[in-house]
Amino acid sequence: MKKESYVDSPRMLNFLQGIIFLDDMKKFEDEMRAIAAYKVEDLMSKDIITVNENDTFDYVANVMINKSINRVPVVDEENCLKGIICRYDIIKAMYN
């Protein structure tokens, strides 16, 4: 829940080209430190949907639409990562 929380920036006053903080900076620093402590594994998707490098744009677009995802890893026959395709890539290819 912490990673989804909103951190209020401290209120400040600009006075004679200096900044005067009106709120407790310690609280702000503690909240920012807690958010920055997350590891990638805490935020990453664990159930990955992949497509093969030989799949058609039509197939990939349908996977993205049906699964409501914006990016899909592209793998080869040995399941090695070859790249990532996103919705923008498909739209761009349609108009080029």
C-alpha atoms as a PDB file:
ATOM      1  CA  MET A   1       0.000   0.000   0.000  1.00  0.00           C
ATOM      2  CA  LYS A   2       2.882   2.359   0.710  1.00  0.00           C
ATOM      3  CA  LYS A   3       4.075   2.374  -2.906  1.00  0.00           C
ATOM      4  CA  GLU A   4       0.616   3.544  -4.016  1.00  0.00           C
ATOM      5  CA  SER A   5       0.364   6.308  -1.442  1.00  0.00           C
ATOM      6  CA  TYR A   6       0.640   9.967  -2.264  1.00  0.00           C
ATOM      7  CA  VAL A   7       3.476  11.882  -0.637  1.00  0.00           C
ATOM      8  CA  ASP A   8       2.644  15.473   0.141  1.00  0.00           C
ATOM      9  CA  SER A   9       5.535  17.771  -0.601  1.00  0.00           C
ATOM     10  CA  PRO A  10       6.276  20.115   2.252  1.00  0.00           C
ATOM     11  CA  ARG A  11       4.741  23.557   2.022  1.00  0.00           C
ATOM     12  CA  MET A  12       7.339  26.250   1.568  1.00  0.00           C
ATOM     13  CA  LEU A  13       7.692  29.981   1.388  1.00  0.00           C
ATOM     14  CA  ASN A  14      10.093  31.730  -0.939  1.00  0.00           C
ATOM     15  CA  PHE A  15      11.452  34.720   0.967  1.00  0.00           C
ATOM     16  CA  LEU A  16      14.344  36.947  -0.122  1.00  0.00           C
ATOM     17  CA  GLN A  17      15.579  34.314  -2.585  1.00  0.00           C
ATOM     18  CA  GLY A  18      15.608  31.693   0.153  1.00  0.00           C
ATOM     19  CA  ILE A  19      13.242  28.868   0.958  1.00  0.00           C
ATOM     20  CA  ILE A  20      11.526  28.542   4.313  1.00  0.00           C
ATOM     21  CA  PHE A  21       9.847  25.187   4.891  1.00  0.00           C
ATOM     22  CA  LEU A  22       6.537  25.454   6.715  1.00  0.00           C
ATOM     23  CA  ASP A  23       6.094  21.714   7.266  1.00  0.00           C
ATOM     24  CA  ASP A  24       8.169  19.031   8.927  1.00  0.00           C
ATOM     25  CA  MET A  25      10.909  17.997   6.474  1.00  0.00           C
ATOM     26  CA  LYS A  26      11.714  14.914   8.568  1.00  0.00           C
ATOM     27  CA  LYS A  27       8.302  13.383   7.793  1.00  0.00           C
ATOM     28  CA  PHE A  28       8.751  14.070   4.080  1.00  0.00           C
ATOM     29  CA  GLU A  29      12.272  12.608   4.077  1.00  0.00           C
ATOM     30  CA  ASP A  30      11.075   9.484   5.922  1.00  0.00           C
ATOM     31  CA  GLU A  31       8.245   8.919   3.415  1.00  0.00           C
ATOM     32  CA  MET A  32      10.584   9.377   0.454  1.00  0.00           C
ATOM     33  CA  ARG A  33      13.144   7.020   2.000  1.00  0.00           C
ATOM     34  CA  ALA A  34      10.451   4.353   2.486  1.00  0.00           C
ATOM     35  CA  ILE A  35       9.354   4.601  -1.154  1.00  0.00           C
ATOM     36  CA  ALA A  36      12.939   4.549  -2.452  1.00  0.00           C
ATOM     37  CA  ALA A  37      13.647   1.371  -0.447  1.00  0.00           C
ATOM     38  CA  TYR A  38      11.505  -0.782  -2.744  1.00  0.00           C
ATOM     39  CA  LYS A  39      13.325  -3.355  -4.828  1.00  0.00           C
ATOM     40  CA  VAL A  40      12.469  -4.144  -8.436  1.00  0.00           C
ATOM     41  CA  GLU A  41      11.102  -7.533  -7.402  1.00  0.00           C
ATOM     42  CA  ASP A  42       8.531  -5.752  -5.219  1.00  0.00           C
ATOM     43  CA  LEU A  43       7.142  -3.834  -8.195  1.00  0.00           C
ATOM     44  CA  MET A  44       7.557  -6.155 -11.177  1.00  0.00           C
ATOM     45  CA  SER A  45       4.873  -8.267 -12.795  1.00  0.00           C
ATOM     46  CA  LYS A  46       5.247 -11.931 -12.000  1.00  0.00           C
ATOM     47  CA  ASP A  47       2.798 -13.541 -14.459  1.00  0.00           C
ATOM     48  CA  ILE A  48       4.410 -12.600 -17.773  1.00  0.00           C
ATOM     49  CA  ILE A  49       2.672 -12.947 -21.110  1.00  0.00           C
ATOM     50  CA  THR A  50       5.155 -13.227 -23.969  1.00  0.00           C
ATOM     51  CA  VAL A  51       4.895 -13.409 -27.739  1.00  0.00           C
ATOM     52  CA  ASN A  52       7.184 -15.090 -30.232  1.00  0.00           C
ATOM     53  CA  GLU A  53       9.309 -13.051 -32.618  1.00  0.00           C
ATOM     54  CA  ASN A  54       7.536 -14.777 -35.545  1.00  0.00           C
ATOM     55  CA  ASP A  55       4.011 -13.822 -34.413  1.00  0.00           C
ATOM     56  CA  THR A  56       2.039 -11.347 -36.522  1.00  0.00           C
ATOM     57  CA  PHE A  57       1.188  -7.797 -35.494  1.00  0.00           C
ATOM     58  CA  ASP A  58      -2.471  -8.796 -35.562  1.00  0.00           C
ATOM     59  CA  TYR A  59      -1.888 -11.587 -33.045  1.00  0.00           C
ATOM     60  CA  VAL A  60       0.221  -9.387 -30.753  1.00  0.00           C
ATOM     61  CA  ALA A  61      -2.329  -6.553 -30.894  1.00  0.00           C
ATOM     62  CA  ASN A  62      -5.121  -8.966 -29.961  1.00  0.00           C
ATOM     63  CA  VAL A  63      -3.115 -10.329 -27.029  1.00  0.00           C
ATOM     64  CA  MET A  64      -2.506  -6.800 -25.765  1.00  0.00           C
ATOM     65  CA  ILE A  65      -6.151  -5.818 -26.113  1.00  0.00           C
ATOM     66  CA  ASN A  66      -7.566  -9.020 -24.603  1.00  0.00           C
ATOM     67  CA  LYS A  67      -5.157  -8.983 -21.647  1.00  0.00           C
ATOM     68  CA  SER A  68      -5.278  -5.176 -21.182  1.00  0.00           C
ATOM     69  CA  ILE A  69      -1.508  -4.805 -21.314  1.00  0.00           C
ATOM     70  CA  ASN A  70       0.612  -2.139 -22.995  1.00  0.00           C
ATOM     71  CA  ARG A  71       3.945  -3.939 -23.404  1.00  0.00           C
ATOM     72  CA  VAL A  72       4.828  -7.520 -24.229  1.00  0.00           C
ATOM     73  CA  PRO A  73       8.265  -9.190 -24.119  1.00  0.00           C
ATOM     74  CA  VAL A  74       9.218 -10.818 -27.420  1.00  0.00           C
ATOM     75  CA  VAL A  75      11.075 -14.139 -27.176  1.00  0.00           C
ATOM     76  CA  ASP A  76      12.627 -16.565 -29.649  1.00  0.00           C
ATOM     77  CA  GLU A  77      12.188 -20.337 -29.940  1.00  0.00           C
ATOM     78  CA  GLU A  78      14.512 -20.924 -26.954  1.00  0.00           C
ATOM     79  CA  ASN A  79      12.478 -18.452 -24.844  1.00  0.00           C
ATOM     80  CA  CYS A  80      15.348 -15.925 -24.866  1.00  0.00           C
ATOM     81  CA  LEU A  81      14.333 -12.286 -24.707  1.00  0.00           C
ATOM     82  CA  LYS A  82      14.690 -10.535 -28.052  1.00  0.00           C
ATOM     83  CA  GLY A  83      12.970  -7.255 -27.183  1.00  0.00           C
ATOM     84  CA  ILE A  84       9.761  -5.614 -26.044  1.00  0.00           C
ATOM     85  CA  ILE A  85       6.884  -4.448 -28.200  1.00  0.00           C
ATOM     86  CA  CYS A  86       4.409  -1.812 -27.038  1.00  0.00           C
ATOM     87  CA  ARG A  87       1.123  -0.481 -28.389  1.00  0.00           C
ATOM     88  CA  TYR A  88       2.887   2.541 -29.829  1.00  0.00           C
ATOM     89  CA  ASP A  89       5.117   0.257 -31.925  1.00  0.00           C
ATOM     90  CA  ILE A  90       2.058  -1.373 -33.468  1.00  0.00           C
ATOM     91  CA  ILE A  91       0.311   1.930 -34.157  1.00  0.00           C
ATOM     92  CA  LYS A  92       3.490   3.381 -35.635  1.00  0.00           C
ATOM     93  CA  ALA A  93       3.915   0.361 -37.942  1.00  0.00           C
ATOM     94  CA  MET A  94       0.314   0.685 -39.137  1.00  0.00           C
ATOM     95  CA  TYR A  95       0.862   4.285 -40.272  1.00  0.00           C
ATOM     96  CA  ASN A  96       4.311   3.885 -41.839  1.00  0.00           C
END
